[in-house]
PDB file of N, CA and C in Angstrom:
ATOM      1  N   UNK A   1      -4.270  -2.260  13.367  1.00  0.00           N
ATOM      2  CA  UNK A   1      -4.260  -0.976  14.006  1.00  0.00           C
ATOM      3  C   UNK A   1      -4.969  -1.096  15.340  1.00  0.00           C
ATOM      4  N   UNK A   2      -4.471  -0.386  16.337  1.00  0.00           N
ATOM      5  CA  UNK A   2      -5.095  -0.440  17.650  1.00  0.00           C
ATOM      6  C   UNK A   2      -5.268   0.961  18.183  1.00  0.00           C
ATOM      7  N   UNK A   3      -6.469   1.265  18.577  1.00  0.00           N
ATOM      8  CA  UNK A   3      -6.777   2.542  19.219  1.00  0.00           C
ATOM      9  C   UNK A   3      -7.621   2.212  20.431  1.00  0.00           C
ATOM     10  N   UNK A   4      -7.246   2.722  21.570  1.00  0.00           N
ATOM     11  CA  UNK A   4      -8.000   2.380  22.778  1.00  0.00           C
ATOM     12  C   UNK A   4      -9.408   2.903  22.678  1.00  0.00           C
ATOM     13  N   UNK A   5     -10.391   2.154  22.946  1.00  0.00           N
ATOM     14  CA  UNK A   5     -10.393   0.747  23.298  1.00  0.00           C
ATOM     15  C   UNK A   5     -10.687  -0.169  22.106  1.00  0.00           C
ATOM     16  N   UNK A   6     -10.342   0.237  20.895  1.00  0.00           N
ATOM     17  CA  UNK A   6     -10.734  -0.476  19.681  1.00  0.00           C
ATOM     18  C   UNK A   6      -9.532  -1.114  19.001  1.00  0.00           C
ATOM     19  N   UNK A   7      -9.695  -2.351  18.538  1.00  0.00           N
ATOM     20  CA  UNK A   7      -8.696  -3.007  17.697  1.00  0.00           C
ATOM     21  C   UNK A   7      -9.349  -3.255  16.347  1.00  0.00           C
ATOM     22  N   UNK A   8      -8.720  -2.769  15.282  1.00  0.00           N
ATOM     23  CA  UNK A   8      -9.268  -2.933  13.936  1.00  0.00           C
ATOM     24  C   UNK A   8      -8.268  -3.721  13.098  1.00  0.00           C
ATOM     25  N   UNK A   9      -8.624  -4.909  12.641  1.00  0.00           N
ATOM     26  CA  UNK A   9      -7.724  -5.649  11.758  1.00  0.00           C
ATOM     27  C   UNK A   9      -7.510  -4.875  10.454  1.00  0.00           C
ATOM     28  N   UNK A  10      -6.275  -4.829   9.969  1.00  0.00           N
ATOM     29  CA  UNK A  10      -5.965  -4.082   8.750  1.00  0.00           C
ATOM     30  C   UNK A  10      -6.862  -4.509   7.586  1.00  0.00           C
ATOM     31  N   UNK A  11      -7.175  -5.784   7.486  1.00  0.00           N
ATOM     32  CA  UNK A  11      -7.993  -6.300   6.393  1.00  0.00           C
ATOM     33  C   UNK A  11      -9.431  -5.813   6.407  1.00  0.00           C
ATOM     34  N   UNK A  12      -9.876  -5.266   7.519  1.00  0.00           N
ATOM     35  CA  UNK A  12     -11.253  -4.776   7.627  1.00  0.00           C
ATOM     36  C   UNK A  12     -11.388  -3.280   7.340  1.00  0.00           C
ATOM     37  N   UNK A  13     -10.261  -2.587   7.160  1.00  0.00           N
ATOM     38  CA  UNK A  13     -10.296  -1.155   6.869  1.00  0.00           C
ATOM     39  C   UNK A  13     -10.694  -0.940   5.420  1.00  0.00           C
ATOM     40  N   UNK A  14     -11.756  -0.142   5.192  1.00  0.00           N
ATOM     41  CA  UNK A  14     -12.276   0.113   3.839  1.00  0.00           C
ATOM     42  C   UNK A  14     -11.838   1.457   3.293  1.00  0.00           C
ATOM     43  N   UNK A  15     -11.778   2.483   4.146  1.00  0.00           N
ATOM     44  CA  UNK A  15     -11.361   3.803   3.662  1.00  0.00           C
ATOM     45  C   UNK A  15     -10.892   4.666   4.830  1.00  0.00           C
ATOM     46  N   UNK A  16     -10.101   5.686   4.472  1.00  0.00           N
ATOM     47  CA  UNK A  16      -9.589   6.641   5.455  1.00  0.00           C
ATOM     48  C   UNK A  16      -9.703   8.026   4.829  1.00  0.00           C
ATOM     49  N   UNK A  17     -10.252   8.975   5.597  1.00  0.00           N
ATOM     50  CA  UNK A  17     -10.356  10.350   5.102  1.00  0.00           C
ATOM     51  C   UNK A  17     -10.186  11.307   6.274  1.00  0.00           C
ATOM     52  N   UNK A  18      -9.899  12.550   5.954  1.00  0.00           N
ATOM     53  CA  UNK A  18      -9.776  13.581   6.996  1.00  0.00           C
ATOM     54  C   UNK A  18     -11.156  13.898   7.568  1.00  0.00           C
ATOM     55  N   UNK A  19     -11.193  14.261   8.838  1.00  0.00           N
ATOM     56  CA  UNK A  19     -12.455  14.589   9.498  1.00  0.00           C
ATOM     57  C   UNK A  19     -12.213  15.658  10.556  1.00  0.00           C
ATOM     58  N   UNK A  20     -13.169  16.536  10.710  1.00  0.00           N
ATOM     59  CA  UNK A  20     -13.149  17.510  11.805  1.00  0.00           C
ATOM     60  C   UNK A  20     -14.424  17.354  12.633  1.00  0.00           C
ATOM     61  N   UNK A  21     -14.923  16.133  12.670  1.00  0.00           N
ATOM     62  CA  UNK A  21     -16.154  15.822  13.377  1.00  0.00           C
ATOM     63  C   UNK A  21     -16.039  16.139  14.865  1.00  0.00           C
ATOM     64  N   UNK A  22     -17.139  16.579  15.430  1.00  0.00           N
ATOM     65  CA  UNK A  22     -17.194  16.859  16.861  1.00  0.00           C
ATOM     66  C   UNK A  22     -17.635  15.643  17.676  1.00  0.00           C
ATOM     67  N   UNK A  23     -17.847  14.529  17.003  1.00  0.00           N
ATOM     68  CA  UNK A  23     -18.255  13.315  17.703  1.00  0.00           C
ATOM     69  C   UNK A  23     -17.210  12.916  18.746  1.00  0.00           C
ATOM     70  N   UNK A  24     -17.671  12.355  19.833  1.00  0.00           N
ATOM     71  CA  UNK A  24     -16.774  11.870  20.868  1.00  0.00           C
ATOM     72  C   UNK A  24     -15.979  10.692  20.335  1.00  0.00           C
ATOM     73  N   UNK A  25     -14.710  10.651  20.664  1.00  0.00           N
ATOM     74  CA  UNK A  25     -13.864   9.549  20.222  1.00  0.00           C
ATOM     75  C   UNK A  25     -12.589   9.542  21.049  1.00  0.00           C
ATOM     76  N   UNK A  26     -11.758   8.483  20.876  1.00  0.00           N
ATOM     77  CA  UNK A  26     -10.486   8.483  21.586  1.00  0.00           C
ATOM     78  C   UNK A  26      -9.508   9.514  21.029  1.00  0.00           C
ATOM     79  N   UNK A  27      -9.832  10.115  19.888  1.00  0.00           N
ATOM     80  CA  UNK A  27      -8.965  11.141  19.305  1.00  0.00           C
ATOM     81  C   UNK A  27      -9.056  12.418  20.130  1.00  0.00           C
ATOM     82  N   UNK A  28      -7.928  12.939  20.556  1.00  0.00           N
ATOM     83  CA  UNK A  28      -7.920  14.110  21.422  1.00  0.00           C
ATOM     84  C   UNK A  28      -7.973  15.430  20.659  1.00  0.00           C
ATOM     85  N   UNK A  29      -7.750  15.385  19.367  1.00  0.00           N
ATOM     86  CA  UNK A  29      -7.717  16.584  18.540  1.00  0.00           C
ATOM     87  C   UNK A  29      -8.935  16.612  17.621  1.00  0.00           C
ATOM     88  N   UNK A  30      -9.287  17.795  17.110  1.00  0.00           N
ATOM     89  CA  UNK A  30     -10.341  17.865  16.092  1.00  0.00           C
ATOM     90  C   UNK A  30      -9.776  17.644  14.696  1.00  0.00           C
ATOM     91  N   UNK A  31      -8.451  17.648  14.560  1.00  0.00           N
ATOM     92  CA  UNK A  31      -7.799  17.343  13.291  1.00  0.00           C
ATOM     93  C   UNK A  31      -7.613  15.829  13.249  1.00  0.00           C
ATOM     94  N   UNK A  32      -8.637  15.143  12.748  1.00  0.00           N
ATOM     95  CA  UNK A  32      -8.714  13.686  12.876  1.00  0.00           C
ATOM     96  C   UNK A  32      -8.751  12.988  11.529  1.00  0.00           C
ATOM     97  N   UNK A  33      -8.579  11.671  11.600  1.00  0.00           N
ATOM     98  CA  UNK A  33      -8.800  10.805  10.451  1.00  0.00           C
ATOM     99  C   UNK A  33      -9.985   9.911  10.794  1.00  0.00           C
ATOM    100  N   UNK A  34     -10.866   9.757   9.838  1.00  0.00           N
ATOM    101  CA  UNK A  34     -11.999   8.849  10.007  1.00  0.00           C
ATOM    102  C   UNK A  34     -11.656   7.558   9.284  1.00  0.00           C
ATOM    103  N   UNK A  35     -11.604   6.460  10.023  1.00  0.00           N
ATOM    104  CA  UNK A  35     -11.300   5.156   9.453  1.00  0.00           C
ATOM    105  C   UNK A  35     -12.597   4.371   9.358  1.00  0.00           C
ATOM    106  N   UNK A  36     -13.029   4.093   8.132  1.00  0.00           N
ATOM    107  CA  UNK A  36     -14.224   3.282   7.887  1.00  0.00           C
ATOM    108  C   UNK A  36     -13.802   1.823   7.823  1.00  0.00           C
ATOM    109  N   UNK A  37     -14.539   0.978   8.519  1.00  0.00           N
ATOM    110  CA  UNK A  37     -14.179  -0.440   8.586  1.00  0.00           C
ATOM    111  C   UNK A  37     -15.423  -1.294   8.753  1.00  0.00           C
ATOM    112  N   UNK A  38     -15.237  -2.580   8.635  1.00  0.00           N
ATOM    113  CA  UNK A  38     -16.359  -3.513   8.804  1.00  0.00           C
ATOM    114  C   UNK A  38     -16.217  -4.247  10.131  1.00  0.00           C
ATOM    115  N   UNK A  39     -15.969  -3.494  11.184  1.00  0.00           N
ATOM    116  CA  UNK A  39     -15.753  -4.038  12.517  1.00  0.00           C
ATOM    117  C   UNK A  39     -16.569  -3.221  13.506  1.00  0.00           C
ATOM    118  N   UNK A  40     -17.207  -3.866  14.437  1.00  0.00           N
ATOM    119  CA  UNK A  40     -17.875  -3.141  15.513  1.00  0.00           C
ATOM    120  C   UNK A  40     -19.236  -2.573  15.146  1.00  0.00           C
ATOM    121  N   UNK A  41     -19.763  -1.777  16.062  1.00  0.00           N
ATOM    122  CA  UNK A  41     -21.127  -1.277  15.972  1.00  0.00           C
ATOM    123  C   UNK A  41     -21.288  -0.135  14.968  1.00  0.00           C
ATOM    124  N   UNK A  42     -20.404   0.863  15.001  1.00  0.00           N
ATOM    125  CA  UNK A  42     -20.584   2.056  14.172  1.00  0.00           C
ATOM    126  C   UNK A  42     -20.007   1.930  12.769  1.00  0.00           C
ATOM    127  N   UNK A  43     -18.978   1.108  12.589  1.00  0.00           N
ATOM    128  CA  UNK A  43     -18.352   0.975  11.282  1.00  0.00           C
ATOM    129  C   UNK A  43     -17.339   2.063  10.977  1.00  0.00           C
ATOM    130  N   UNK A  44     -17.035   2.915  11.952  1.00  0.00           N
ATOM    131  CA  UNK A  44     -15.968   3.891  11.760  1.00  0.00           C
ATOM    132  C   UNK A  44     -15.339   4.242  13.106  1.00  0.00           C
ATOM    133  N   UNK A  45     -14.092   4.704  13.021  1.00  0.00           N
ATOM    134  CA  UNK A  45     -13.356   5.117  14.205  1.00  0.00           C
ATOM    135  C   UNK A  45     -12.620   6.401  13.872  1.00  0.00           C
ATOM    136  N   UNK A  46     -12.628   7.371  14.778  1.00  0.00           N
ATOM    137  CA  UNK A  46     -11.898   8.618  14.601  1.00  0.00           C
ATOM    138  C   UNK A  46     -10.598   8.526  15.389  1.00  0.00           C
ATOM    139  N   UNK A  47      -9.481   8.880  14.734  1.00  0.00           N
ATOM    140  CA  UNK A  47      -8.174   8.853  15.394  1.00  0.00           C
ATOM    141  C   UNK A  47      -7.429  10.155  15.101  1.00  0.00           C
ATOM    142  N   UNK A  48      -6.497  10.505  15.968  1.00  0.00           N
ATOM    143  CA  UNK A  48      -5.628  11.675  15.733  1.00  0.00           C
ATOM    144  C   UNK A  48      -4.192  11.240  16.012  1.00  0.00           C
ATOM    145  N   UNK A  49      -3.531  10.658  14.999  1.00  0.00           N
ATOM    146  CA  UNK A  49      -2.161  10.195  15.211  1.00  0.00           C
ATOM    147  C   UNK A  49      -1.208  11.368  15.444  1.00  0.00           C
ATOM    148  N   UNK A  50      -0.146  11.120  16.177  1.00  0.00           N
ATOM    149  CA  UNK A  50       0.860  12.147  16.448  1.00  0.00           C
ATOM    150  C   UNK A  50       1.520  12.582  15.141  1.00  0.00           C
ATOM    151  N   UNK A  51       1.886  11.611  14.298  1.00  0.00           N
ATOM    152  CA  UNK A  51       2.524  11.885  13.014  1.00  0.00           C
ATOM    153  C   UNK A  51       1.604  11.359  11.911  1.00  0.00           C
ATOM    154  N   UNK A  52       0.707  12.202  11.437  1.00  0.00           N
ATOM    155  CA  UNK A  52      -0.308  11.792  10.466  1.00  0.00           C
ATOM    156  C   UNK A  52       0.310  11.262   9.175  1.00  0.00           C
ATOM    157  N   UNK A  53       1.339  11.913   8.664  1.00  0.00           N
ATOM    158  CA  UNK A  53       1.954  11.497   7.401  1.00  0.00           C
ATOM    159  C   UNK A  53       2.524  10.083   7.495  1.00  0.00           C
ATOM    160  N   UNK A  54       3.255   9.793   8.557  1.00  0.00           N
ATOM    161  CA  UNK A  54       3.824   8.458   8.743  1.00  0.00           C
ATOM    162  C   UNK A  54       2.728   7.430   8.971  1.00  0.00           C
ATOM    163  N   UNK A  55       1.713   7.795   9.737  1.00  0.00           N
ATOM    164  CA  UNK A  55       0.582   6.902  10.001  1.00  0.00           C
ATOM    165  C   UNK A  55      -0.102   6.512   8.694  1.00  0.00           C
ATOM    166  N   UNK A  56      -0.380   7.510   7.839  1.00  0.00           N
ATOM    167  CA  UNK A  56      -1.042   7.232   6.558  1.00  0.00           C
ATOM    168  C   UNK A  56      -0.163   6.400   5.639  1.00  0.00           C
ATOM    169  N   UNK A  57       1.119   6.702   5.603  1.00  0.00           N
ATOM    170  CA  UNK A  57       2.056   5.934   4.776  1.00  0.00           C
ATOM    171  C   UNK A  57       2.038   4.462   5.169  1.00  0.00           C
ATOM    172  N   UNK A  58       2.058   4.200   6.472  1.00  0.00           N
ATOM    173  CA  UNK A  58       2.035   2.818   6.964  1.00  0.00           C
ATOM    174  C   UNK A  58       0.689   2.142   6.671  1.00  0.00           C
ATOM    175  N   UNK A  59      -0.410   2.866   6.858  1.00  0.00           N
ATOM    176  CA  UNK A  59      -1.725   2.293   6.557  1.00  0.00           C
ATOM    177  C   UNK A  59      -1.850   1.932   5.077  1.00  0.00           C
ATOM    178  N   UNK A  60      -1.342   2.793   4.203  1.00  0.00           N
ATOM    179  CA  UNK A  60      -1.413   2.521   2.762  1.00  0.00           C
ATOM    180  C   UNK A  60      -0.637   1.259   2.399  1.00  0.00           C
ATOM    181  N   UNK A  61       0.479   1.007   3.080  1.00  0.00           N
ATOM    182  CA  UNK A  61       1.255  -0.228   2.848  1.00  0.00           C
ATOM    183  C   UNK A  61       0.489  -1.458   3.330  1.00  0.00           C
ATOM    184  N   UNK A  62      -0.121  -1.339   4.505  1.00  0.00           N
ATOM    185  CA  UNK A  62      -0.764  -2.496   5.132  1.00  0.00           C
ATOM    186  C   UNK A  62      -2.210  -2.728   4.696  1.00  0.00           C
ATOM    187  N   UNK A  63      -2.818  -1.732   4.038  1.00  0.00           N
ATOM    188  CA  UNK A  63      -4.223  -1.832   3.646  1.00  0.00           C
ATOM    189  C   UNK A  63      -4.380  -1.508   2.168  1.00  0.00           C
ATOM    190  N   UNK A  64      -3.830  -2.326   1.275  1.00  0.00           N
ATOM    191  CA  UNK A  64      -3.948  -2.027  -0.155  1.00  0.00           C
ATOM    192  C   UNK A  64      -5.385  -2.030  -0.651  1.00  0.00           C
ATOM    193  N   UNK A  65      -6.289  -2.671   0.078  1.00  0.00           N
ATOM    194  CA  UNK A  65      -7.692  -2.743  -0.324  1.00  0.00           C
ATOM    195  C   UNK A  65      -8.453  -1.455   0.018  1.00  0.00           C
ATOM    196  N   UNK A  66      -7.880  -0.610   0.851  1.00  0.00           N
ATOM    197  CA  UNK A  66      -8.585   0.581   1.349  1.00  0.00           C
ATOM    198  C   UNK A  66      -8.477   1.748   0.362  1.00  0.00           C
ATOM    199  N   UNK A  67      -9.479   2.603   0.423  1.00  0.00           N
ATOM    200  CA  UNK A  67      -9.527   3.836  -0.383  1.00  0.00           C
ATOM    201  C   UNK A  67      -9.063   4.987   0.504  1.00  0.00           C
ATOM    202  N   UNK A  68      -8.237   5.879  -0.057  1.00  0.00           N
ATOM    203  CA  UNK A  68      -7.717   7.033   0.672  1.00  0.00           C
ATOM    204  C   UNK A  68      -8.034   8.303  -0.122  1.00  0.00           C
ATOM    205  N   UNK A  69      -9.305   8.675  -0.228  1.00  0.00           N
ATOM    206  CA  UNK A  69      -9.664   9.838  -1.061  1.00  0.00           C
ATOM    207  C   UNK A  69      -9.048  11.144  -0.552  1.00  0.00           C
ATOM    208  N   UNK A  70      -8.311  11.814  -1.423  1.00  0.00           N
ATOM    209  CA  UNK A  70      -7.727  13.095  -1.083  1.00  0.00           C
ATOM    210  C   UNK A  70      -6.520  13.034  -0.150  1.00  0.00           C
ATOM    211  N   UNK A  71      -6.047  11.836   0.142  1.00  0.00           N
ATOM    212  CA  UNK A  71      -4.891  11.717   1.064  1.00  0.00           C
ATOM    213  C   UNK A  71      -3.668  11.258   0.316  1.00  0.00           C
TER     214      UNK A  71
END
């Protein structure tokens, strides 16, 4: 997965959940997904994909090790 300016290898993604965090991020919307990973300084990245359903479907295929609570 790639989000400017962050590249996260699929194998490093641990979990994905919905977030409405006000933290600054490359996500332009407050309707975001929080991706927890073992990459980088913070260990999480906030994203707002254009098509959330398709994005999650693809992540679930590529990240069988990840947890998707409530998604």
